[in-house]
PDB file of N, CA and C in Angstrom:
ATOM      1  N   MET A   1     -28.987 -27.676  13.073  1.00  0.00           N
ATOM      2  CA  MET A   1     -27.654 -27.438  12.731  1.00  0.00           C
ATOM      3  C   MET A   1     -26.768 -28.004  13.915  1.00  0.00           C
ATOM      4  N   ALA A   2     -26.962 -27.705  14.962  1.00  0.00           N
ATOM      5  CA  ALA A   2     -26.076 -27.972  16.166  1.00  0.00           C
ATOM      6  C   ALA A   2     -25.941 -29.697  16.150  1.00  0.00           C
ATOM      7  N   ALA A   3     -26.834 -30.233  16.007  1.00  0.00           N
ATOM      8  CA  ALA A   3     -26.746 -31.606  16.287  1.00  0.00           C
ATOM      9  C   ALA A   3     -25.925 -32.097  15.115  1.00  0.00           C
ATOM     10  N   LEU A   4     -26.027 -31.615  13.567  1.00  0.00           N
ATOM     11  CA  LEU A   4     -25.418 -31.842  12.424  1.00  0.00           C
ATOM     12  C   LEU A   4     -23.768 -31.765  12.685  1.00  0.00           C
ATOM     13  N   LEU A   5     -23.551 -30.627  13.387  1.00  0.00           N
ATOM     14  CA  LEU A   5     -22.098 -30.307  13.634  1.00  0.00           C
ATOM     15  C   LEU A   5     -21.774 -31.328  14.594  1.00  0.00           C
ATOM     16  N   THR A   6     -22.380 -31.617  15.541  1.00  0.00           N
ATOM     17  CA  THR A   6     -21.885 -32.737  16.558  1.00  0.00           C
ATOM     18  C   THR A   6     -21.464 -33.891  15.953  1.00  0.00           C
ATOM     19  N   HIS A   7     -22.454 -34.419  15.161  1.00  0.00           N
ATOM     20  CA  HIS A   7     -22.404 -35.698  14.863  1.00  0.00           C
ATOM     21  C   HIS A   7     -21.100 -35.644  13.692  1.00  0.00           C
ATOM     22  N   ASP A   8     -20.746 -34.439  13.178  1.00  0.00           N
ATOM     23  CA  ASP A   8     -19.601 -34.818  12.252  1.00  0.00           C
ATOM     24  C   ASP A   8     -18.631 -33.927  12.743  1.00  0.00           C
ATOM     25  N   ALA A   9     -18.406 -33.978  14.281  1.00  0.00           N
ATOM     26  CA  ALA A   9     -17.255 -33.220  14.870  1.00  0.00           C
ATOM     27  C   ALA A   9     -15.748 -33.614  14.765  1.00  0.00           C
ATOM     28  N   LEU A  10     -15.799 -34.934  14.289  1.00  0.00           N
ATOM     29  CA  LEU A  10     -14.351 -35.133  14.072  1.00  0.00           C
ATOM     30  C   LEU A  10     -13.837 -35.095  12.569  1.00  0.00           C
ATOM     31  N   THR A  11     -15.104 -34.678  11.911  1.00  0.00           N
ATOM     32  CA  THR A  11     -14.457 -34.603  10.224  1.00  0.00           C
ATOM     33  C   THR A  11     -14.106 -32.801   9.945  1.00  0.00           C
ATOM     34  N   THR A  12     -12.925 -32.637  10.037  1.00  0.00           N
ATOM     35  CA  THR A  12     -12.897 -31.122   9.722  1.00  0.00           C
ATOM     36  C   THR A  12     -13.556 -30.587   8.686  1.00  0.00           C
ATOM     37  N   ASP A  13     -13.355 -31.334   7.561  1.00  0.00           N
ATOM     38  CA  ASP A  13     -14.073 -30.781   6.275  1.00  0.00           C
ATOM     39  C   ASP A  13     -15.398 -30.588   6.596  1.00  0.00           C
ATOM     40  N   ARG A  14     -16.266 -31.617   6.738  1.00  0.00           N
ATOM     41  CA  ARG A  14     -17.610 -31.610   7.135  1.00  0.00           C
ATOM     42  C   ARG A  14     -17.920 -30.451   8.020  1.00  0.00           C
ATOM     43  N   ILE A  15     -17.408 -30.212   8.866  1.00  0.00           N
ATOM     44  CA  ILE A  15     -17.442 -29.144   9.939  1.00  0.00           C
ATOM     45  C   ILE A  15     -17.638 -27.802   9.145  1.00  0.00           C
ATOM     46  N   ALA A  16     -16.406 -27.665   8.360  1.00  0.00           N
ATOM     47  CA  ALA A  16     -16.409 -26.429   7.558  1.00  0.00           C
ATOM     48  C   ALA A  16     -17.635 -26.116   6.349  1.00  0.00           C
ATOM     49  N   GLU A  17     -17.964 -27.381   6.111  1.00  0.00           N
ATOM     50  CA  GLU A  17     -19.130 -27.035   5.174  1.00  0.00           C
ATOM     51  C   GLU A  17     -20.653 -26.926   5.840  1.00  0.00           C
ATOM     52  N   VAL A  18     -20.730 -27.392   6.938  1.00  0.00           N
ATOM     53  CA  VAL A  18     -21.803 -27.212   7.865  1.00  0.00           C
ATOM     54  C   VAL A  18     -21.635 -25.937   8.371  1.00  0.00           C
ATOM     55  N   ILE A  19     -20.753 -25.423   8.568  1.00  0.00           N
ATOM     56  CA  ILE A  19     -20.685 -23.763   9.313  1.00  0.00           C
ATOM     57  C   ILE A  19     -20.654 -22.963   8.003  1.00  0.00           C
ATOM     58  N   ALA A  20     -20.638 -23.549   6.938  1.00  0.00           N
ATOM     59  CA  ALA A  20     -20.550 -22.227   5.684  1.00  0.00           C
ATOM     60  C   ALA A  20     -22.045 -22.439   5.452  1.00  0.00           C
ATOM     61  N   GLU A  21     -22.951 -23.518   5.432  1.00  0.00           N
ATOM     62  CA  GLU A  21     -24.151 -23.723   5.350  1.00  0.00           C
ATOM     63  C   GLU A  21     -24.900 -22.972   6.501  1.00  0.00           C
ATOM     64  N   CYS A  22     -24.618 -22.664   7.616  1.00  0.00           N
ATOM     65  CA  CYS A  22     -24.960 -22.102   8.816  1.00  0.00           C
ATOM     66  C   CYS A  22     -25.119 -20.441   8.417  1.00  0.00           C
ATOM     67  N   SER A  23     -24.026 -20.335   7.787  1.00  0.00           N
ATOM     68  CA  SER A  23     -23.580 -18.608   7.602  1.00  0.00           C
ATOM     69  C   SER A  23     -24.798 -18.544   6.405  1.00  0.00           C
ATOM     70  N   ARG A  24     -24.704 -19.374   5.327  1.00  0.00           N
ATOM     71  CA  ARG A  24     -25.799 -18.895   4.281  1.00  0.00           C
ATOM     72  C   ARG A  24     -27.235 -19.076   4.721  1.00  0.00           C
ATOM     73  N   MET A  25     -27.386 -19.391   6.084  1.00  0.00           N
ATOM     74  CA  MET A  25     -28.893 -19.620   6.333  1.00  0.00           C
ATOM     75  C   MET A  25     -29.148 -18.691   7.450  1.00  0.00           C
ATOM     76  N   GLY A  26     -27.782 -17.861   7.740  1.00  0.00           N
ATOM     77  CA  GLY A  26     -28.102 -16.792   8.712  1.00  0.00           C
ATOM     78  C   GLY A  26     -27.961 -17.205  10.325  1.00  0.00           C
ATOM     79  N   ILE A  27     -27.315 -18.407  10.293  1.00  0.00           N
ATOM     80  CA  ILE A  27     -27.144 -18.733  11.732  1.00  0.00           C
ATOM     81  C   ILE A  27     -25.542 -18.568  12.065  1.00  0.00           C
ATOM     82  N   LYS A  28     -25.426 -17.842  12.983  1.00  0.00           N
ATOM     83  CA  LYS A  28     -24.208 -17.575  13.614  1.00  0.00           C
ATOM     84  C   LYS A  28     -23.607 -18.718  14.422  1.00  0.00           C
ATOM     85  N   VAL A  29     -22.191 -19.051  14.214  1.00  0.00           N
ATOM     86  CA  VAL A  29     -21.496 -20.138  14.797  1.00  0.00           C
ATOM     87  C   VAL A  29     -20.642 -19.414  15.621  1.00  0.00           C
ATOM     88  N   LEU A  30     -20.744 -19.199  16.938  1.00  0.00           N
ATOM     89  CA  LEU A  30     -19.759 -18.948  17.967  1.00  0.00           C
ATOM     90  C   LEU A  30     -18.736 -19.648  18.297  1.00  0.00           C
ATOM     91  N   PRO A  31     -17.585 -18.930  18.479  1.00  0.00           N
ATOM     92  CA  PRO A  31     -16.029 -19.596  18.558  1.00  0.00           C
ATOM     93  C   PRO A  31     -16.374 -20.370  19.875  1.00  0.00           C
ATOM     94  N   PRO A  32     -15.353 -21.373  20.456  1.00  0.00           N
ATOM     95  CA  PRO A  32     -15.304 -22.321  21.675  1.00  0.00           C
ATOM     96  C   PRO A  32     -14.694 -21.343  22.696  1.00  0.00           C
ATOM     97  N   ASP A  33     -15.119 -21.444  23.706  1.00  0.00           N
ATOM     98  CA  ASP A  33     -14.984 -20.665  24.976  1.00  0.00           C
ATOM     99  C   ASP A  33     -15.011 -21.408  26.230  1.00  0.00           C
ATOM    100  N   VAL A  34     -13.803 -21.774  27.003  1.00  0.00           N
ATOM    101  CA  VAL A  34     -13.942 -22.331  27.800  1.00  0.00           C
ATOM    102  C   VAL A  34     -14.830 -22.156  29.049  1.00  0.00           C
ATOM    103  N   ASN A  35     -15.217 -20.827  29.178  1.00  0.00           N
ATOM    104  CA  ASN A  35     -16.275 -20.313  29.940  1.00  0.00           C
ATOM    105  C   ASN A  35     -17.564 -20.568  29.567  1.00  0.00           C
ATOM    106  N   ARG A  36     -17.904 -21.095  28.138  1.00  0.00           N
ATOM    107  CA  ARG A  36     -19.396 -21.171  27.827  1.00  0.00           C
ATOM    108  C   ARG A  36     -19.558 -22.133  27.083  1.00  0.00           C
ATOM    109  N   SER A  37     -18.587 -22.878  26.422  1.00  0.00           N
ATOM    110  CA  SER A  37     -18.854 -23.769  25.335  1.00  0.00           C
ATOM    111  C   SER A  37     -19.278 -25.337  26.285  1.00  0.00           C
ATOM    112  N   SER A  38     -20.128 -26.066  25.633  1.00  0.00           N
ATOM    113  CA  SER A  38     -20.181 -27.433  26.268  1.00  0.00           C
ATOM    114  C   SER A  38     -19.264 -28.193  25.404  1.00  0.00           C
ATOM    115  N   LEU A  39     -19.418 -29.508  25.832  1.00  0.00           N
ATOM    116  CA  LEU A  39     -18.529 -30.633  25.212  1.00  0.00           C
ATOM    117  C   LEU A  39     -18.609 -30.621  23.712  1.00  0.00           C
ATOM    118  N   TYR A  40     -20.171 -30.432  23.392  1.00  0.00           N
ATOM    119  CA  TYR A  40     -20.676 -30.467  21.918  1.00  0.00           C
ATOM    120  C   TYR A  40     -21.044 -29.347  21.473  1.00  0.00           C
ATOM    121  N   PHE A  41     -21.227 -29.221  20.041  1.00  0.00           N
ATOM    122  CA  PHE A  41     -21.884 -27.733  19.624  1.00  0.00           C
ATOM    123  C   PHE A  41     -23.512 -27.707  20.320  1.00  0.00           C
ATOM    124  N   THR A  42     -23.960 -26.561  20.953  1.00  0.00           N
ATOM    125  CA  THR A  42     -25.134 -26.065  21.412  1.00  0.00           C
ATOM    126  C   THR A  42     -25.605 -24.812  21.069  1.00  0.00           C
ATOM    127  N   PRO A  43     -27.227 -24.829  20.880  1.00  0.00           N
ATOM    128  CA  PRO A  43     -27.778 -23.644  20.606  1.00  0.00           C
ATOM    129  C   PRO A  43     -27.203 -22.511  21.926  1.00  0.00           C
ATOM    130  N   GLU A  44     -27.286 -21.368  21.437  1.00  0.00           N
ATOM    131  CA  GLU A  44     -27.010 -20.457  22.590  1.00  0.00           C
ATOM    132  C   GLU A  44     -27.658 -19.220  21.985  1.00  0.00           C
ATOM    133  N   GLU A  45     -28.141 -18.438  22.963  1.00  0.00           N
ATOM    134  CA  GLU A  45     -28.772 -17.065  22.965  1.00  0.00           C
ATOM    135  C   GLU A  45     -27.722 -16.143  22.645  1.00  0.00           C
ATOM    136  N   SER A  46     -28.095 -15.368  21.534  1.00  0.00           N
ATOM    137  CA  SER A  46     -26.933 -14.413  20.869  1.00  0.00           C
ATOM    138  C   SER A  46     -27.572 -13.011  20.447  1.00  0.00           C
ATOM    139  N   GLY A  47     -27.929 -12.427  21.488  1.00  0.00           N
ATOM    140  CA  GLY A  47     -28.521 -11.089  21.228  1.00  0.00           C
ATOM    141  C   GLY A  47     -30.174 -10.962  20.815  1.00  0.00           C
ATOM    142  N   GLU A  48     -30.632 -10.984  19.573  1.00  0.00           N
ATOM    143  CA  GLU A  48     -32.135 -11.235  19.584  1.00  0.00           C
ATOM    144  C   GLU A  48     -32.133 -12.664  18.886  1.00  0.00           C
ATOM    145  N   SER A  49     -31.254 -13.215  18.428  1.00  0.00           N
ATOM    146  CA  SER A  49     -31.101 -14.162  17.892  1.00  0.00           C
ATOM    147  C   SER A  49     -30.596 -15.739  18.451  1.00  0.00           C
ATOM    148  N   THR A  50     -30.839 -16.937  17.887  1.00  0.00           N
ATOM    149  CA  THR A  50     -30.225 -17.969  18.368  1.00  0.00           C
ATOM    150  C   THR A  50     -28.893 -18.331  17.847  1.00  0.00           C
ATOM    151  N   ALA A  51     -27.766 -18.589  18.320  1.00  0.00           N
ATOM    152  CA  ALA A  51     -26.464 -19.295  17.450  1.00  0.00           C
ATOM    153  C   ALA A  51     -25.919 -20.230  18.130  1.00  0.00           C
ATOM    154  N   ILE A  52     -24.982 -20.775  17.374  1.00  0.00           N
ATOM    155  CA  ILE A  52     -24.465 -22.131  18.056  1.00  0.00           C
ATOM    156  C   ILE A  52     -23.153 -21.942  18.421  1.00  0.00           C
ATOM    157  N   ARG A  53     -22.837 -22.349  19.755  1.00  0.00           N
ATOM    158  CA  ARG A  53     -21.664 -22.201  20.251  1.00  0.00           C
ATOM    159  C   ARG A  53     -20.765 -23.325  20.143  1.00  0.00           C
ATOM    160  N   PHE A  54     -19.588 -23.447  19.431  1.00  0.00           N
ATOM    161  CA  PHE A  54     -18.588 -24.506  19.034  1.00  0.00           C
ATOM    162  C   PHE A  54     -18.270 -25.335  20.251  1.00  0.00           C
ATOM    163  N   GLY A  55     -18.564 -26.608  20.081  1.00  0.00           N
ATOM    164  CA  GLY A  55     -18.343 -27.614  21.077  1.00  0.00           C
ATOM    165  C   GLY A  55     -16.475 -27.613  21.569  1.00  0.00           C
ATOM    166  N   LEU A  56     -16.286 -27.911  22.704  1.00  0.00           N
ATOM    167  CA  LEU A  56     -14.909 -28.150  23.279  1.00  0.00           C
ATOM    168  C   LEU A  56     -14.076 -29.102  22.628  1.00  0.00           C
ATOM    169  N   ALA A  57     -15.077 -30.293  22.545  1.00  0.00           N
ATOM    170  CA  ALA A  57     -14.593 -31.844  22.092  1.00  0.00           C
ATOM    171  C   ALA A  57     -14.012 -31.591  20.392  1.00  0.00           C
ATOM    172  N   SER A  58     -14.580 -30.620  19.770  1.00  0.00           N
ATOM    173  CA  SER A  58     -14.214 -30.719  18.624  1.00  0.00           C
ATOM    174  C   SER A  58     -12.866 -29.777  18.193  1.00  0.00           C
ATOM    175  N   ILE A  59     -12.207 -29.030  18.989  1.00  0.00           N
ATOM    176  CA  ILE A  59     -11.302 -28.323  19.011  1.00  0.00           C
ATOM    177  C   ILE A  59     -10.164 -29.396  18.595  1.00  0.00           C
ATOM    178  N   LYS A  60      -9.296 -28.972  17.773  1.00  0.00           N
ATOM    179  CA  LYS A  60      -8.248 -29.774  17.048  1.00  0.00           C
ATOM    180  C   LYS A  60      -7.043 -29.780  18.322  1.00  0.00           C
ATOM    181  N   ASN A  61      -6.542 -31.095  18.415  1.00  0.00           N
ATOM    182  CA  ASN A  61      -5.573 -31.411  19.254  1.00  0.00           C
ATOM    183  C   ASN A  61      -5.971 -31.505  21.019  1.00  0.00           C
ATOM    184  N   VAL A  62      -7.300 -31.319  21.027  1.00  0.00           N
ATOM    185  CA  VAL A  62      -7.761 -31.565  22.458  1.00  0.00           C
ATOM    186  C   VAL A  62      -8.907 -32.918  22.338  1.00  0.00           C
ATOM    187  N   GLY A  63      -8.745 -33.409  23.634  1.00  0.00           N
ATOM    188  CA  GLY A  63      -9.599 -34.797  23.620  1.00  0.00           C
ATOM    189  C   GLY A  63     -10.768 -34.399  24.403  1.00  0.00           C
ATOM    190  N   SER A  64     -11.869 -35.345  24.405  1.00  0.00           N
ATOM    191  CA  SER A  64     -13.322 -34.913  24.857  1.00  0.00           C
ATOM    192  C   SER A  64     -13.068 -35.289  26.645  1.00  0.00           C
ATOM    193  N   GLY A  65     -12.090 -35.979  26.841  1.00  0.00           N
ATOM    194  CA  GLY A  65     -12.008 -36.489  28.311  1.00  0.00           C
ATOM    195  C   GLY A  65     -11.309 -34.887  29.061  1.00  0.00           C
ATOM    196  N   ALA A  66     -10.310 -34.594  28.482  1.00  0.00           N
ATOM    197  CA  ALA A  66     -10.022 -33.428  29.088  1.00  0.00           C
ATOM    198  C   ALA A  66     -10.909 -32.467  28.952  1.00  0.00           C
ATOM    199  N   MET A  67     -11.830 -32.151  28.113  1.00  0.00           N
ATOM    200  CA  MET A  67     -12.560 -30.926  27.953  1.00  0.00           C
ATOM    201  C   MET A  67     -13.734 -31.128  29.009  1.00  0.00           C
ATOM    202  N   GLN A  68     -14.188 -32.509  29.270  1.00  0.00           N
ATOM    203  CA  GLN A  68     -14.904 -32.720  30.053  1.00  0.00           C
ATOM    204  C   GLN A  68     -14.631 -32.534  31.553  1.00  0.00           C
ATOM    205  N   ALA A  69     -13.225 -32.716  31.823  1.00  0.00           N
ATOM    206  CA  ALA A  69     -12.705 -32.033  33.085  1.00  0.00           C
ATOM    207  C   ALA A  69     -12.705 -30.721  33.186  1.00  0.00           C
ATOM    208  N   VAL A  70     -12.489 -29.934  31.890  1.00  0.00           N
ATOM    209  CA  VAL A  70     -12.520 -28.520  32.242  1.00  0.00           C
ATOM    210  C   VAL A  70     -14.121 -27.938  32.388  1.00  0.00           C
ATOM    211  N   ILE A  71     -15.144 -28.716  31.891  1.00  0.00           N
ATOM    212  CA  ILE A  71     -16.540 -28.379  32.209  1.00  0.00           C
ATOM    213  C   ILE A  71     -16.839 -28.716  33.407  1.00  0.00           C
ATOM    214  N   GLU A  72     -16.489 -29.798  33.912  1.00  0.00           N
ATOM    215  CA  GLU A  72     -16.855 -30.164  35.657  1.00  0.00           C
ATOM    216  C   GLU A  72     -15.906 -29.382  36.374  1.00  0.00           C
ATOM    217  N   GLU A  73     -14.862 -28.790  36.157  1.00  0.00           N
ATOM    218  CA  GLU A  73     -14.148 -27.962  37.042  1.00  0.00           C
ATOM    219  C   GLU A  73     -14.802 -26.518  37.093  1.00  0.00           C
ATOM    220  N   ARG A  74     -15.428 -25.897  35.771  1.00  0.00           N
ATOM    221  CA  ARG A  74     -16.152 -24.802  35.603  1.00  0.00           C
ATOM    222  C   ARG A  74     -17.489 -24.710  36.496  1.00  0.00           C
ATOM    223  N   GLU A  75     -17.974 -25.944  36.372  1.00  0.00           N
ATOM    224  CA  GLU A  75     -19.133 -25.973  37.178  1.00  0.00           C
ATOM    225  C   GLU A  75     -19.214 -26.042  38.596  1.00  0.00           C
ATOM    226  N   ARG A  76     -18.032 -26.888  39.308  1.00  0.00           N
ATOM    227  CA  ARG A  76     -17.623 -26.727  40.240  1.00  0.00           C
ATOM    228  C   ARG A  76     -17.240 -25.524  40.849  1.00  0.00           C
ATOM    229  N   GLY A  77     -16.189 -24.827  40.207  1.00  0.00           N
ATOM    230  CA  GLY A  77     -15.819 -23.606  40.726  1.00  0.00           C
ATOM    231  C   GLY A  77     -15.944 -22.127  39.841  1.00  0.00           C
ATOM    232  N   GLY A  78     -16.968 -22.171  38.848  1.00  0.00           N
ATOM    233  CA  GLY A  78     -17.247 -20.860  38.482  1.00  0.00           C
ATOM    234  C   GLY A  78     -16.231 -20.744  37.159  1.00  0.00           C
ATOM    235  N   ALA A  79     -16.546 -19.518  36.698  1.00  0.00           N
ATOM    236  CA  ALA A  79     -15.760 -19.615  35.211  1.00  0.00           C
ATOM    237  C   ALA A  79     -14.369 -18.919  35.632  1.00  0.00           C
ATOM    238  N   PHE A  80     -13.834 -19.452  34.749  1.00  0.00           N
ATOM    239  CA  PHE A  80     -12.155 -19.328  34.841  1.00  0.00           C
ATOM    240  C   PHE A  80     -11.761 -17.639  34.584  1.00  0.00           C
ATOM    241  N   ALA A  81     -11.109 -17.106  35.536  1.00  0.00           N
ATOM    242  CA  ALA A  81     -10.328 -15.837  35.518  1.00  0.00           C
ATOM    243  C   ALA A  81      -9.522 -15.589  34.694  1.00  0.00           C
ATOM    244  N   SER A  82      -8.697 -16.564  34.442  1.00  0.00           N
ATOM    245  CA  SER A  82      -7.442 -16.056  33.752  1.00  0.00           C
ATOM    246  C   SER A  82      -6.747 -17.560  33.404  1.00  0.00           C
ATOM    247  N   LEU A  83      -5.893 -17.350  32.491  1.00  0.00           N
ATOM    248  CA  LEU A  83      -4.960 -18.457  32.152  1.00  0.00           C
ATOM    249  C   LEU A  83      -4.498 -19.169  33.440  1.00  0.00           C
ATOM    250  N   GLU A  84      -4.065 -18.131  34.263  1.00  0.00           N
ATOM    251  CA  GLU A  84      -3.172 -18.841  35.355  1.00  0.00           C
ATOM    252  C   GLU A  84      -4.394 -19.459  36.463  1.00  0.00           C
ATOM    253  N   ASP A  85      -5.507 -18.967  36.321  1.00  0.00           N
ATOM    254  CA  ASP A  85      -6.854 -19.840  37.156  1.00  0.00           C
ATOM    255  C   ASP A  85      -7.001 -20.861  36.505  1.00  0.00           C
ATOM    256  N   PHE A  86      -6.997 -20.948  35.222  1.00  0.00           N
ATOM    257  CA  PHE A  86      -7.131 -22.280  34.615  1.00  0.00           C
ATOM    258  C   PHE A  86      -6.457 -23.283  34.860  1.00  0.00           C
ATOM    259  N   CYS A  87      -4.935 -22.668  34.805  1.00  0.00           N
ATOM    260  CA  CYS A  87      -3.920 -24.091  35.102  1.00  0.00           C
ATOM    261  C   CYS A  87      -3.794 -24.264  36.517  1.00  0.00           C
ATOM    262  N   ALA A  88      -4.063 -23.466  37.289  1.00  0.00           N
ATOM    263  CA  ALA A  88      -4.329 -23.916  38.720  1.00  0.00           C
ATOM    264  C   ALA A  88      -5.236 -24.832  39.246  1.00  0.00           C
ATOM    265  N   ARG A  89      -6.447 -24.698  38.544  1.00  0.00           N
ATOM    266  CA  ARG A  89      -7.699 -25.620  38.801  1.00  0.00           C
ATOM    267  C   ARG A  89      -7.564 -27.060  38.377  1.00  0.00           C
ATOM    268  N   LEU A  90      -6.703 -27.247  37.091  1.00  0.00           N
ATOM    269  CA  LEU A  90      -6.878 -28.200  36.542  1.00  0.00           C
ATOM    270  C   LEU A  90      -5.682 -29.002  36.736  1.00  0.00           C
ATOM    271  N   ASP A  91      -5.734 -30.480  36.509  1.00  0.00           N
ATOM    272  CA  ASP A  91      -4.869 -31.509  36.706  1.00  0.00           C
ATOM    273  C   ASP A  91      -3.990 -31.155  35.388  1.00  0.00           C
ATOM    274  N   SER A  92      -2.742 -30.907  35.657  1.00  0.00           N
ATOM    275  CA  SER A  92      -1.715 -31.173  34.174  1.00  0.00           C
ATOM    276  C   SER A  92      -1.342 -32.408  33.975  1.00  0.00           C
ATOM    277  N   ARG A  93      -1.882 -33.507  34.314  1.00  0.00           N
ATOM    278  CA  ARG A  93      -1.777 -34.754  33.497  1.00  0.00           C
ATOM    279  C   ARG A  93      -3.136 -34.797  32.890  1.00  0.00           C
ATOM    280  N   THR A  94      -4.104 -33.913  33.064  1.00  0.00           N
ATOM    281  CA  THR A  94      -5.194 -33.922  32.150  1.00  0.00           C
ATOM    282  C   THR A  94      -5.447 -33.232  30.686  1.00  0.00           C
ATOM    283  N   VAL A  95      -5.043 -32.096  31.371  1.00  0.00           N
ATOM    284  CA  VAL A  95      -4.739 -30.827  30.449  1.00  0.00           C
ATOM    285  C   VAL A  95      -3.594 -30.404  30.397  1.00  0.00           C
ATOM    286  N   ASN A  96      -2.962 -31.027  29.473  1.00  0.00           N
ATOM    287  CA  ASN A  96      -1.406 -30.967  29.170  1.00  0.00           C
ATOM    288  C   ASN A  96      -1.195 -29.969  28.400  1.00  0.00           C
ATOM    289  N   ARG A  97       0.352 -29.608  28.109  1.00  0.00           N
ATOM    290  CA  ARG A  97       0.865 -28.653  27.470  1.00  0.00           C
ATOM    291  C   ARG A  97       0.345 -28.281  26.186  1.00  0.00           C
ATOM    292  N   LYS A  98       0.115 -29.565  25.259  1.00  0.00           N
ATOM    293  CA  LYS A  98      -0.171 -29.588  24.076  1.00  0.00           C
ATOM    294  C   LYS A  98      -1.973 -29.019  24.017  1.00  0.00           C
ATOM    295  N   ILE A  99      -2.625 -29.420  24.830  1.00  0.00           N
ATOM    296  CA  ILE A  99      -3.924 -28.846  24.863  1.00  0.00           C
ATOM    297  C   ILE A  99      -4.055 -27.112  24.978  1.00  0.00           C
ATOM    298  N   LEU A 100      -3.243 -27.003  26.440  1.00  0.00           N
ATOM    299  CA  LEU A 100      -3.187 -25.588  26.408  1.00  0.00           C
ATOM    300  C   LEU A 100      -2.914 -24.677  25.442  1.00  0.00           C
ATOM    301  N   GLU A 101      -1.563 -25.157  24.642  1.00  0.00           N
ATOM    302  CA  GLU A 101      -1.216 -24.364  23.431  1.00  0.00           C
ATOM    303  C   GLU A 101      -2.566 -24.443  22.461  1.00  0.00           C
ATOM    304  N   SER A 102      -2.986 -25.441  22.320  1.00  0.00           N
ATOM    305  CA  SER A 102      -4.349 -25.378  21.264  1.00  0.00           C
ATOM    306  C   SER A 102      -5.604 -24.365  21.747  1.00  0.00           C
ATOM    307  N   LEU A 103      -5.465 -24.310  23.017  1.00  0.00           N
ATOM    308  CA  LEU A 103      -6.689 -23.656  23.716  1.00  0.00           C
ATOM    309  C   LEU A 103      -6.068 -22.129  23.480  1.00  0.00           C
ATOM    310  N   VAL A 104      -4.894 -21.561  23.757  1.00  0.00           N
ATOM    311  CA  VAL A 104      -4.249 -20.300  23.677  1.00  0.00           C
ATOM    312  C   VAL A 104      -4.596 -19.783  22.393  1.00  0.00           C
ATOM    313  N   LYS A 105      -4.042 -20.684  21.542  1.00  0.00           N
ATOM    314  CA  LYS A 105      -4.222 -20.474  20.051  1.00  0.00           C
ATOM    315  C   LYS A 105      -5.626 -19.853  19.561  1.00  0.00           C
ATOM    316  N   LEU A 106      -6.503 -20.441  19.995  1.00  0.00           N
ATOM    317  CA  LEU A 106      -8.127 -19.761  19.862  1.00  0.00           C
ATOM    318  C   LEU A 106      -8.346 -18.347  20.127  1.00  0.00           C
ATOM    319  N   ARG A 107      -7.191 -18.168  21.358  1.00  0.00           N
ATOM    320  CA  ARG A 107      -7.654 -16.854  21.843  1.00  0.00           C
ATOM    321  C   ARG A 107      -8.829 -16.884  22.844  1.00  0.00           C
ATOM    322  N   ARG A 108      -9.584 -18.022  23.320  1.00  0.00           N
ATOM    323  CA  ARG A 108     -10.387 -17.955  24.040  1.00  0.00           C
ATOM    324  C   ARG A 108     -10.149 -18.294  25.513  1.00  0.00           C
ATOM    325  N   LEU A 109      -8.780 -18.538  25.618  1.00  0.00           N
ATOM    326  CA  LEU A 109      -8.381 -19.004  27.003  1.00  0.00           C
ATOM    327  C   LEU A 109      -7.443 -17.573  27.477  1.00  0.00           C
ATOM    328  N   ARG A 110      -7.462 -16.839  28.460  1.00  0.00           N
ATOM    329  CA  ARG A 110      -6.392 -15.755  28.426  1.00  0.00           C
ATOM    330  C   ARG A 110      -6.281 -15.661  30.005  1.00  0.00           C
TER     331      ARG A 110
END
């Protein structure tokens, strides 16, 4: 299912359909998180079961290039502690205001 979601990553309607199917099958789809998500949808341990973590590149109004920069900085410097830490560690030309607004709306960047 993670591969299917990644394949359909740019088709919002199709993602919604696949997520609904995951729910029907009892597979939890976890929200995107700048400290945990990969670029694409990936399986992740969630308690006693496996879930699927939403991929950063599939977030509306963000590009895969900017999210790749986020992942590289996270791998280099560790988890982001706050919004201020996130902004200080990333180039504002790569992760611009529009991208920040989209991430903040998800409530996964604080």
